[in-house]
N, C-alpha and C. Protein backbone atom coordinates (compact mmCIF):
# COMPACT_ATOMS: atom_id res chain seq x y z
N MET A 1 35.17 84.06 467.39
CA MET A 1 35.01 83.03 466.61
C MET A 1 35.83 84.05 464.98
N ILE A 2 36.68 83.08 464.05
CA ILE A 2 37.29 83.47 463.15
C ILE A 2 36.58 84.25 462.33
N ASP A 3 36.16 85.08 461.26
CA ASP A 3 35.74 84.86 460.17
C ASP A 3 36.12 84.17 459.12
N LYS A 4 35.14 83.40 458.71
CA LYS A 4 35.70 82.36 457.63
C LYS A 4 36.07 83.11 456.30
N HIS A 5 35.99 83.77 456.19
CA HIS A 5 36.63 84.97 454.74
C HIS A 5 37.91 84.83 455.04
N ILE A 6 38.22 85.76 456.28
CA ILE A 6 39.19 86.40 456.61
C ILE A 6 40.63 84.81 456.29
N SER A 7 39.84 83.68 457.10
CA SER A 7 40.67 82.40 457.37
C SER A 7 41.06 82.37 455.59
N ARG A 8 40.15 82.18 454.91
CA ARG A 8 40.26 82.02 453.24
C ARG A 8 41.05 82.57 452.35
N VAL A 9 40.90 83.61 452.67
CA VAL A 9 42.05 85.16 452.26
C VAL A 9 43.29 84.55 452.66
N LEU A 10 43.47 84.44 453.69
CA LEU A 10 44.78 84.09 454.65
C LEU A 10 45.76 83.00 453.89
N GLY A 11 44.53 81.55 453.47
CA GLY A 11 45.26 80.86 453.09
C GLY A 11 45.47 80.50 451.56
N LEU A 12 44.71 81.73 450.88
CA LEU A 12 45.34 81.53 449.80
C LEU A 12 46.33 82.61 449.33
N LEU A 13 46.69 83.62 450.63
CA LEU A 13 48.10 84.42 450.38
C LEU A 13 49.13 83.30 450.74
N GLY A 14 48.60 81.94 451.45
CA GLY A 14 49.97 81.46 451.42
C GLY A 14 49.98 80.48 450.62
N GLN A 15 48.99 80.26 449.54
CA GLN A 15 49.92 79.46 448.37
C GLN A 15 50.72 80.59 447.54
N ASP A 16 51.72 79.95 447.20
CA ASP A 16 52.78 80.67 446.13
C ASP A 16 52.35 81.39 445.16
N ASP A 17 51.67 79.93 444.19
CA ASP A 17 51.00 80.55 442.89
C ASP A 17 50.36 81.37 442.89
N THR A 18 49.29 81.31 443.73
CA THR A 18 48.13 82.20 444.62
C THR A 18 48.40 84.20 444.61
N LEU A 19 49.72 83.86 445.39
CA LEU A 19 50.89 84.70 446.02
C LEU A 19 51.12 85.99 444.67
N ARG A 20 51.67 84.52 443.80
CA ARG A 20 52.36 85.19 443.23
C ARG A 20 51.69 85.67 441.40
N VAL A 21 50.13 85.82 441.47
CA VAL A 21 49.41 85.80 440.83
C VAL A 21 48.61 87.48 441.13
N LEU A 22 48.50 87.03 442.08
CA LEU A 22 47.94 87.90 442.71
C LEU A 22 48.65 89.41 442.93
N ALA A 23 49.79 89.40 443.15
CA ALA A 23 51.12 90.22 442.89
C ALA A 23 51.13 90.75 441.62
N GLY A 24 51.19 89.89 440.72
CA GLY A 24 51.15 90.05 439.06
C GLY A 24 49.93 91.16 438.71
N LEU A 25 49.07 90.80 439.27
CA LEU A 25 47.83 91.80 438.99
C LEU A 25 48.18 93.11 439.51
N VAL A 26 48.62 93.30 440.78
CA VAL A 26 48.86 94.29 441.59
C VAL A 26 49.84 95.19 440.56
N LEU A 27 50.82 94.73 440.78
CA LEU A 27 52.25 95.15 440.34
C LEU A 27 52.04 95.13 438.19
N CYS A 28 51.96 94.88 437.76
CA CYS A 28 51.70 94.86 436.42
C CYS A 28 50.28 94.68 435.78
N PRO A 29 49.03 95.31 436.29
CA PRO A 29 48.14 95.28 435.46
C PRO A 29 48.09 95.57 434.10
N GLY A 30 47.12 94.54 433.29
CA GLY A 30 47.00 94.32 432.26
C GLY A 30 48.04 93.58 431.41
N GLU A 31 48.89 93.16 431.78
CA GLU A 31 50.16 92.38 431.46
C GLU A 31 49.66 90.66 431.73
N PRO A 32 50.56 89.56 430.81
CA PRO A 32 50.19 88.29 430.36
C PRO A 32 50.73 87.53 432.11
N LEU A 33 49.96 86.99 432.60
CA LEU A 33 50.20 86.76 434.19
C LEU A 33 51.03 85.70 433.65
N ASP A 34 51.11 84.83 432.84
CA ASP A 34 52.07 83.74 432.60
C ASP A 34 53.24 84.24 432.69
N LYS A 35 53.39 85.33 431.91
CA LYS A 35 54.55 85.78 431.44
C LYS A 35 55.71 86.69 432.91
N VAL A 36 54.37 87.36 433.31
CA VAL A 36 54.94 88.16 434.67
C VAL A 36 55.39 87.25 436.00
N THR A 37 54.73 86.05 436.44
CA THR A 37 54.74 85.10 437.12
C THR A 37 55.62 84.00 437.07
N GLY A 38 55.57 83.76 435.39
CA GLY A 38 56.75 82.89 435.11
C GLY A 38 55.97 81.11 435.09
N LEU A 39 54.73 81.17 435.94
CA LEU A 39 53.94 80.39 435.83
C LEU A 39 52.69 79.66 435.05
N ASP A 40 52.86 78.16 434.57
CA ASP A 40 51.93 77.71 433.27
C ASP A 40 50.41 78.79 432.98
N ARG A 41 50.28 79.02 432.42
CA ARG A 41 48.88 79.27 432.27
C ARG A 41 47.55 78.88 432.69
N GLU A 42 47.74 77.36 432.94
CA GLU A 42 46.34 76.35 433.37
C GLU A 42 46.98 77.20 434.90
N VAL A 43 48.18 76.92 435.18
CA VAL A 43 48.24 76.87 436.97
C VAL A 43 48.01 78.74 437.22
N VAL A 44 47.68 79.77 436.23
CA VAL A 44 47.82 80.97 436.85
C VAL A 44 46.01 80.75 436.64
N SER A 45 45.08 80.04 435.35
CA SER A 45 43.71 80.35 435.43
C SER A 45 43.51 80.12 436.90
N LYS A 46 43.85 78.31 437.45
CA LYS A 46 43.15 78.22 438.37
C LYS A 46 43.08 79.17 439.73
N ALA A 47 44.69 79.70 439.54
CA ALA A 47 44.96 80.43 441.02
C ALA A 47 43.90 81.98 440.77
N LEU A 48 43.81 81.89 439.59
CA LEU A 48 42.24 83.23 439.41
C LEU A 48 41.17 83.13 440.08
N ASP A 49 40.92 81.53 439.50
CA ASP A 49 39.68 80.86 439.87
C ASP A 49 39.41 81.36 441.46
N ARG A 50 40.99 80.99 442.16
CA ARG A 50 40.56 80.93 443.74
C ARG A 50 40.82 82.17 444.00
N LEU A 51 41.61 83.31 443.71
CA LEU A 51 41.32 84.51 443.92
C LEU A 51 40.08 85.25 443.87
N GLU A 52 39.25 84.31 442.61
CA GLU A 52 38.09 85.32 442.66
C GLU A 52 37.03 84.66 444.06
N ARG A 53 36.92 83.58 443.75
CA ARG A 53 36.31 82.81 444.46
C ARG A 53 36.79 83.81 445.94
N GLY A 54 37.89 83.91 446.56
CA GLY A 54 38.28 84.62 447.81
C GLY A 54 38.05 86.07 447.47
N GLY A 55 37.27 86.45 446.79
CA GLY A 55 36.83 88.26 446.00
C GLY A 55 38.46 88.62 446.36
N LEU A 56 39.56 88.19 446.17
CA LEU A 56 40.85 89.20 445.61
C LEU A 56 40.86 89.75 444.37
N ALA A 57 40.25 89.00 443.67
CA ALA A 57 39.98 89.12 441.97
C ALA A 57 38.97 89.45 441.31
N VAL A 58 38.68 90.28 440.30
CA VAL A 58 37.08 90.19 439.54
C VAL A 58 37.96 90.52 438.11
N ARG A 59 36.58 90.07 437.10
CA ARG A 59 37.18 89.77 435.62
C ARG A 59 37.47 91.42 435.38
N ASP A 60 37.45 92.11 434.70
CA ASP A 60 37.32 93.65 434.23
C ASP A 60 35.77 93.26 432.98
N GLY A 61 35.74 94.64 432.92
CA GLY A 61 34.26 94.27 432.37
C GLY A 61 34.00 94.02 431.25
N ASP A 62 35.11 93.84 429.98
CA ASP A 62 34.70 92.98 429.02
C ASP A 62 34.78 91.74 429.51
N GLY A 63 35.19 90.77 430.34
CA GLY A 63 35.80 89.73 431.16
C GLY A 63 36.66 88.89 430.24
N ASP A 64 37.70 89.62 429.47
CA ASP A 64 38.83 89.09 429.04
C ASP A 64 39.82 89.01 429.87
N GLY A 65 40.43 90.14 431.01
CA GLY A 65 41.25 90.60 431.97
C GLY A 65 40.68 90.33 433.41
N TRP A 66 42.34 90.69 433.99
CA TRP A 66 41.29 90.74 435.82
C TRP A 66 42.05 91.81 436.20
N ARG A 67 41.73 91.71 437.23
CA ARG A 67 41.94 93.04 438.11
C ARG A 67 41.94 92.78 439.57
N ALA A 68 42.53 92.96 440.30
CA ALA A 68 43.27 92.59 441.93
C ALA A 68 42.04 93.55 442.06
N ARG A 69 41.15 93.27 443.51
CA ARG A 69 40.80 94.07 444.48
C ARG A 69 41.10 93.90 445.69
N PRO A 70 42.30 95.22 446.21
CA PRO A 70 42.87 95.40 447.14
C PRO A 70 41.88 96.08 448.24
N GLU A 71 40.75 96.73 447.88
CA GLU A 71 39.85 97.26 448.77
C GLU A 71 38.72 95.42 449.58
N THR A 72 39.34 94.71 449.55
CA THR A 72 39.30 93.15 450.40
C THR A 72 39.48 93.44 451.20
N PHE A 73 40.92 93.85 451.35
CA PHE A 73 41.79 93.84 452.64
C PHE A 73 40.77 95.22 453.71
N ARG A 74 40.61 95.71 453.15
CA ARG A 74 40.04 96.64 454.08
C ARG A 74 38.79 96.60 454.58
N ASP A 75 37.43 95.76 453.20
CA ASP A 75 36.71 95.67 453.88
C ASP A 75 36.71 94.35 455.05
N LEU A 76 37.97 93.88 455.14
CA LEU A 76 38.46 92.50 456.10
C LEU A 76 38.25 92.88 457.23
N LEU A 77 38.98 94.03 457.18
CA LEU A 77 39.45 94.69 458.36
C LEU A 77 38.07 95.01 459.62
N ARG A 78 37.48 95.66 458.73
CA ARG A 78 36.72 96.58 459.92
C ARG A 78 35.43 95.22 459.83
N THR A 79 35.43 94.00 459.46
CA THR A 79 34.73 92.59 460.50
C THR A 79 35.16 92.29 461.47
N ILE A 80 36.34 92.44 461.57
CA ILE A 80 37.35 92.21 463.02
C ILE A 80 37.07 93.22 464.30
N PRO A 81 36.04 92.44 464.69
CA PRO A 81 35.83 93.21 466.28
C PRO A 81 36.56 93.14 467.31
N SER A 82 36.49 94.33 467.99
CA SER A 82 37.24 94.62 469.25
C SER A 82 36.93 93.67 470.45
N THR A 83 37.39 92.52 470.89
CA THR A 83 36.73 91.96 471.74
C THR A 83 37.75 91.96 473.12
N PRO A 84 37.16 91.71 474.35
CA PRO A 84 38.32 91.23 475.58
C PRO A 84 38.96 90.02 475.02
N ALA A 85 39.60 89.88 476.16
CA ALA A 85 41.01 88.59 475.71
C ALA A 85 40.02 87.38 475.32
N ASP A 86 40.17 87.04 474.43
CA ASP A 86 39.67 85.14 474.10
C ASP A 86 40.25 83.97 474.44
N PRO A 87 39.65 83.27 475.20
CA PRO A 87 40.61 82.03 475.60
C PRO A 87 41.75 80.97 474.74
N MET A 88 41.48 81.70 472.90
CA MET A 88 42.05 81.06 472.44
C MET A 88 43.57 81.80 472.24
N ASP A 89 43.18 83.16 472.72
CA ASP A 89 44.73 83.94 472.49
C ASP A 89 45.87 83.30 472.95
N ALA A 90 45.61 82.31 473.83
CA ALA A 90 47.18 81.26 474.67
C ALA A 90 47.72 80.66 473.64
N PHE A 91 46.74 80.10 472.20
CA PHE A 91 47.42 79.51 471.68
C PHE A 91 47.58 80.23 469.84
N LEU A 92 46.81 81.21 469.81
CA LEU A 92 46.99 81.69 468.77
C LEU A 92 47.76 83.49 468.77
N VAL A 93 48.53 83.60 467.63
CA VAL A 93 49.23 84.66 467.60
C VAL A 93 48.92 85.13 465.99
N ASP A 94 48.43 86.35 466.10
CA ASP A 94 47.98 86.69 464.74
C ASP A 94 47.55 86.24 464.24
N GLY A 95 46.60 85.00 464.56
CA GLY A 95 45.30 84.38 464.21
C GLY A 95 46.03 83.02 463.76
N ARG A 96 47.51 82.47 464.17
CA ARG A 96 48.40 81.71 463.47
C ARG A 96 48.67 80.71 465.06
N LEU A 97 48.17 79.58 465.08
CA LEU A 97 48.71 78.46 466.19
C LEU A 97 49.86 78.59 466.17
N VAL A 98 50.11 78.88 467.51
CA VAL A 98 51.84 78.75 467.77
C VAL A 98 52.34 77.34 468.11
N SER A 99 51.57 76.49 468.17
CA SER A 99 51.72 75.19 468.01
C SER A 99 50.48 74.00 468.55
N ILE A 100 50.50 73.05 467.78
CA ILE A 100 49.51 72.41 468.56
C ILE A 100 49.08 71.73 469.57
N PRO A 101 48.11 71.71 470.33
CA PRO A 101 48.58 71.28 471.62
C PRO A 101 48.73 69.96 471.84
N ALA A 102 49.17 69.67 472.67
CA ALA A 102 49.63 67.99 473.17
C ALA A 102 48.94 67.67 474.07
N LYS A 103 48.08 68.17 475.10
CA LYS A 103 46.98 67.81 475.18
C LYS A 103 45.85 67.93 474.54
N ARG A 104 45.13 66.60 475.09
CA ARG A 104 43.88 66.26 474.11
C ARG A 104 43.11 67.58 474.12
N ALA A 105 42.69 67.49 475.73
CA ALA A 105 41.31 68.84 475.93
C ALA A 105 41.69 70.24 475.18
N LYS A 106 43.15 70.51 475.61
CA LYS A 106 43.36 71.76 474.57
C LYS A 106 43.03 71.60 473.17
N ARG A 107 43.84 70.63 473.02
CA ARG A 107 43.88 70.44 471.46
C ARG A 107 42.23 70.45 471.05
N LEU A 108 41.45 69.59 471.70
CA LEU A 108 40.18 69.44 471.46
C LEU A 108 39.09 71.33 471.60
N MET A 109 40.02 71.88 472.04
CA MET A 109 39.44 73.45 472.14
C MET A 109 39.85 74.21 470.63
N VAL A 110 41.20 73.93 470.39
CA VAL A 110 41.49 74.47 469.31
C VAL A 110 41.35 73.97 467.98
N LEU A 111 40.99 72.57 467.81
CA LEU A 111 40.15 71.83 466.85
C LEU A 111 38.70 72.61 466.49
N ASP A 112 38.06 72.59 467.81
CA ASP A 112 36.64 72.95 467.66
C ASP A 112 36.43 74.33 466.59
N TYR A 113 37.56 75.12 467.40
CA TYR A 113 37.91 76.45 467.12
C TYR A 113 37.82 76.51 465.89
N ILE A 114 39.00 75.80 464.91
CA ILE A 114 39.41 75.42 463.71
C ILE A 114 38.59 75.45 462.97
N ALA A 115 37.44 74.57 463.46
CA ALA A 115 36.36 73.78 462.63
C ALA A 115 35.16 74.38 462.19
N GLN A 116 35.45 75.81 462.82
CA GLN A 116 34.30 76.82 462.55
C GLN A 116 34.50 77.29 461.23
N VAL A 117 35.35 77.11 460.77
CA VAL A 117 36.20 77.95 459.15
C VAL A 117 34.88 76.97 458.25
N PHE A 118 34.50 75.98 458.38
CA PHE A 118 34.06 75.13 457.31
C PHE A 118 32.50 74.83 457.76
N ASP A 119 31.76 75.36 457.04
CA ASP A 119 30.51 75.60 456.80
C ASP A 119 29.49 73.93 456.80
N VAL A 120 28.79 73.68 457.53
CA VAL A 120 28.12 72.40 457.85
C VAL A 120 27.16 72.77 456.52
N GLY A 121 27.05 71.07 456.12
CA GLY A 121 26.55 71.08 454.75
C GLY A 121 27.55 71.38 453.66
N VAL A 122 28.41 71.70 453.56
CA VAL A 122 28.91 72.08 452.33
C VAL A 122 30.35 70.82 452.41
N ARG A 123 30.71 70.58 451.14
CA ARG A 123 31.71 69.54 450.95
C ARG A 123 32.82 70.23 450.17
N TYR A 124 34.04 69.96 450.90
CA TYR A 124 35.25 70.61 450.38
C TYR A 124 36.46 70.14 449.65
N PRO A 125 36.62 69.98 448.29
CA PRO A 125 37.77 69.27 448.48
C PRO A 125 38.86 69.19 449.04
N GLU A 126 40.00 68.66 449.19
CA GLU A 126 40.58 68.31 450.16
C GLU A 126 42.13 69.69 449.60
N LYS A 127 41.61 70.37 448.58
CA LYS A 127 42.71 71.68 448.33
C LYS A 127 42.11 72.48 449.17
N GLU A 128 41.02 72.79 449.31
CA GLU A 128 40.38 74.01 449.63
C GLU A 128 40.76 73.82 451.09
N VAL A 129 40.35 72.49 451.81
CA VAL A 129 40.64 72.25 453.47
C VAL A 129 42.04 72.96 453.26
N ASP A 130 43.38 72.44 452.94
CA ASP A 130 44.37 72.41 452.70
C ASP A 130 44.84 74.38 452.81
N VAL A 131 43.92 74.82 452.03
CA VAL A 131 44.05 76.54 451.62
C VAL A 131 43.65 76.92 453.22
N ALA A 132 42.21 76.57 453.63
CA ALA A 132 42.12 77.17 454.92
C ALA A 132 42.79 76.84 456.47
N LEU A 133 43.17 75.64 456.31
CA LEU A 133 44.08 75.30 457.60
C LEU A 133 45.59 75.82 457.27
N ARG A 134 45.86 76.32 456.22
CA ARG A 134 47.29 76.67 455.97
C ARG A 134 47.01 78.15 456.67
N ALA A 135 46.32 78.64 456.97
CA ALA A 135 45.97 79.89 457.28
C ALA A 135 46.28 80.07 459.28
N PHE A 136 46.14 78.70 459.53
CA PHE A 136 46.40 78.37 461.27
C PHE A 136 47.60 78.29 461.14
N HIS A 137 48.45 77.00 460.29
CA HIS A 137 49.47 76.51 461.17
C HIS A 137 49.92 75.88 459.76
N ALA A 138 51.70 75.77 459.64
CA ALA A 138 52.72 75.09 458.50
C ALA A 138 52.33 73.45 458.57
N ASP A 139 51.68 73.03 459.23
CA ASP A 139 51.38 71.81 459.32
C ASP A 139 50.14 71.54 458.97
N TYR A 140 49.17 71.89 458.34
CA TYR A 140 48.04 71.91 457.60
C TYR A 140 47.74 70.31 457.43
N ALA A 141 48.31 69.31 457.34
CA ALA A 141 47.90 68.01 457.10
C ALA A 141 47.47 67.34 458.38
N ALA A 142 48.58 67.66 459.67
CA ALA A 142 48.49 67.37 460.89
C ALA A 142 47.10 67.70 461.20
N LEU A 143 46.71 69.21 460.95
CA LEU A 143 45.66 69.30 461.69
C LEU A 143 44.38 68.91 460.98
N ARG A 144 44.84 68.56 459.95
CA ARG A 144 43.59 67.76 459.04
C ARG A 144 43.25 66.99 459.56
N ARG A 145 44.41 66.04 459.78
CA ARG A 145 44.16 64.79 460.43
C ARG A 145 43.49 64.74 461.45
N TYR A 146 43.92 65.62 462.50
CA TYR A 146 43.36 65.74 463.88
C TYR A 146 41.95 65.88 463.88
N LEU A 147 41.51 66.97 462.76
CA LEU A 147 40.15 67.35 462.52
C LEU A 147 38.89 65.86 462.01
N VAL A 148 39.85 65.47 461.19
CA VAL A 148 39.37 63.94 461.07
C VAL A 148 38.74 62.94 462.16
N ASP A 149 40.36 62.76 462.86
CA ASP A 149 40.54 61.45 463.79
C ASP A 149 39.54 62.37 464.67
N GLU A 150 39.28 63.67 465.14
CA GLU A 150 38.27 63.79 466.92
C GLU A 150 36.91 63.84 466.03
N GLY A 151 36.61 63.46 464.87
CA GLY A 151 35.24 63.77 464.18
C GLY A 151 34.91 65.28 464.59
N PHE A 152 35.49 66.09 464.06
CA PHE A 152 35.01 67.73 463.46
C PHE A 152 34.87 67.50 462.17
N LEU A 153 35.87 66.89 461.48
CA LEU A 153 35.57 66.63 459.74
C LEU A 153 35.04 65.18 459.24
N THR A 154 34.62 64.81 458.21
CA THR A 154 34.60 63.69 457.41
C THR A 154 35.32 63.49 456.36
N ARG A 155 35.94 62.56 455.80
CA ARG A 155 36.30 62.59 454.90
C ARG A 155 36.30 61.59 454.13
N GLU A 156 35.70 61.53 452.79
CA GLU A 156 35.46 60.05 451.95
C GLU A 156 35.67 60.60 450.51
N ALA A 157 37.02 59.83 450.08
CA ALA A 157 37.44 60.15 448.42
C ALA A 157 37.82 61.67 448.51
N ASN A 158 39.14 61.81 449.16
CA ASN A 158 39.36 63.31 449.17
C ASN A 158 38.46 64.40 449.74
N VAL A 159 37.26 64.24 449.60
CA VAL A 159 36.08 65.57 449.86
C VAL A 159 35.89 65.34 451.57
N TYR A 160 36.53 66.34 452.38
CA TYR A 160 35.52 66.85 453.00
C TYR A 160 33.98 67.29 453.84
N TRP A 161 33.80 67.46 454.69
CA TRP A 161 32.43 68.21 455.31
C TRP A 161 32.53 67.65 457.14
N ARG A 162 32.09 69.61 457.20
CA ARG A 162 32.24 69.35 458.76
C ARG A 162 31.28 68.21 459.36
N SER A 163 31.40 67.48 460.34
CA SER A 163 30.63 66.63 460.87
C SER A 163 30.55 67.01 462.42
N GLY A 164 30.85 67.32 462.94
CA GLY A 164 30.85 67.99 464.62
C GLY A 164 31.65 69.68 465.21
N GLY A 165 31.72 69.76 466.32
CA GLY A 165 32.09 71.16 466.64
C GLY A 165 30.90 71.58 467.00
N THR A 166 31.31 72.72 467.29
CA THR A 166 29.94 73.87 467.57
C THR A 166 29.85 74.62 466.75
N THR A 167 28.60 75.18 466.69
CA THR A 167 27.92 75.90 465.56
C THR A 167 28.04 77.43 465.67
């Protein structure tokens, strides 16, 4: 099973604004991130919040500044077990789907695997679902639709929760 934290981190890095803010923290520490990234302050603030939740950024001791946490990548690498070949290897390359399987049985296996990144009993806004799914495939909207259609996720008012699959 893919580590949920790894999936979230990869999803964060797949978002242009979040990646730009992280790069700004790494390359220009202490500089105003809106100037460094060319992004609006509100966009920077939201990206920093996502980076903090993903463990990639922390507030400095005084609470006003931010710093990147590159050690998160080293920590995540240590969590990846070295295991024998997994049946998912036929569908995934470097943790990403090569394509969404056309055959339903294979697609269900893939969807079940992907659904495991979502915690049972937790409600996710659509943006967070998209972040997690982007880590698997560029067509995250199709994945989201399949997950809902096949009963792995339930959706109501743009809020999703896990409602099926193995645990």
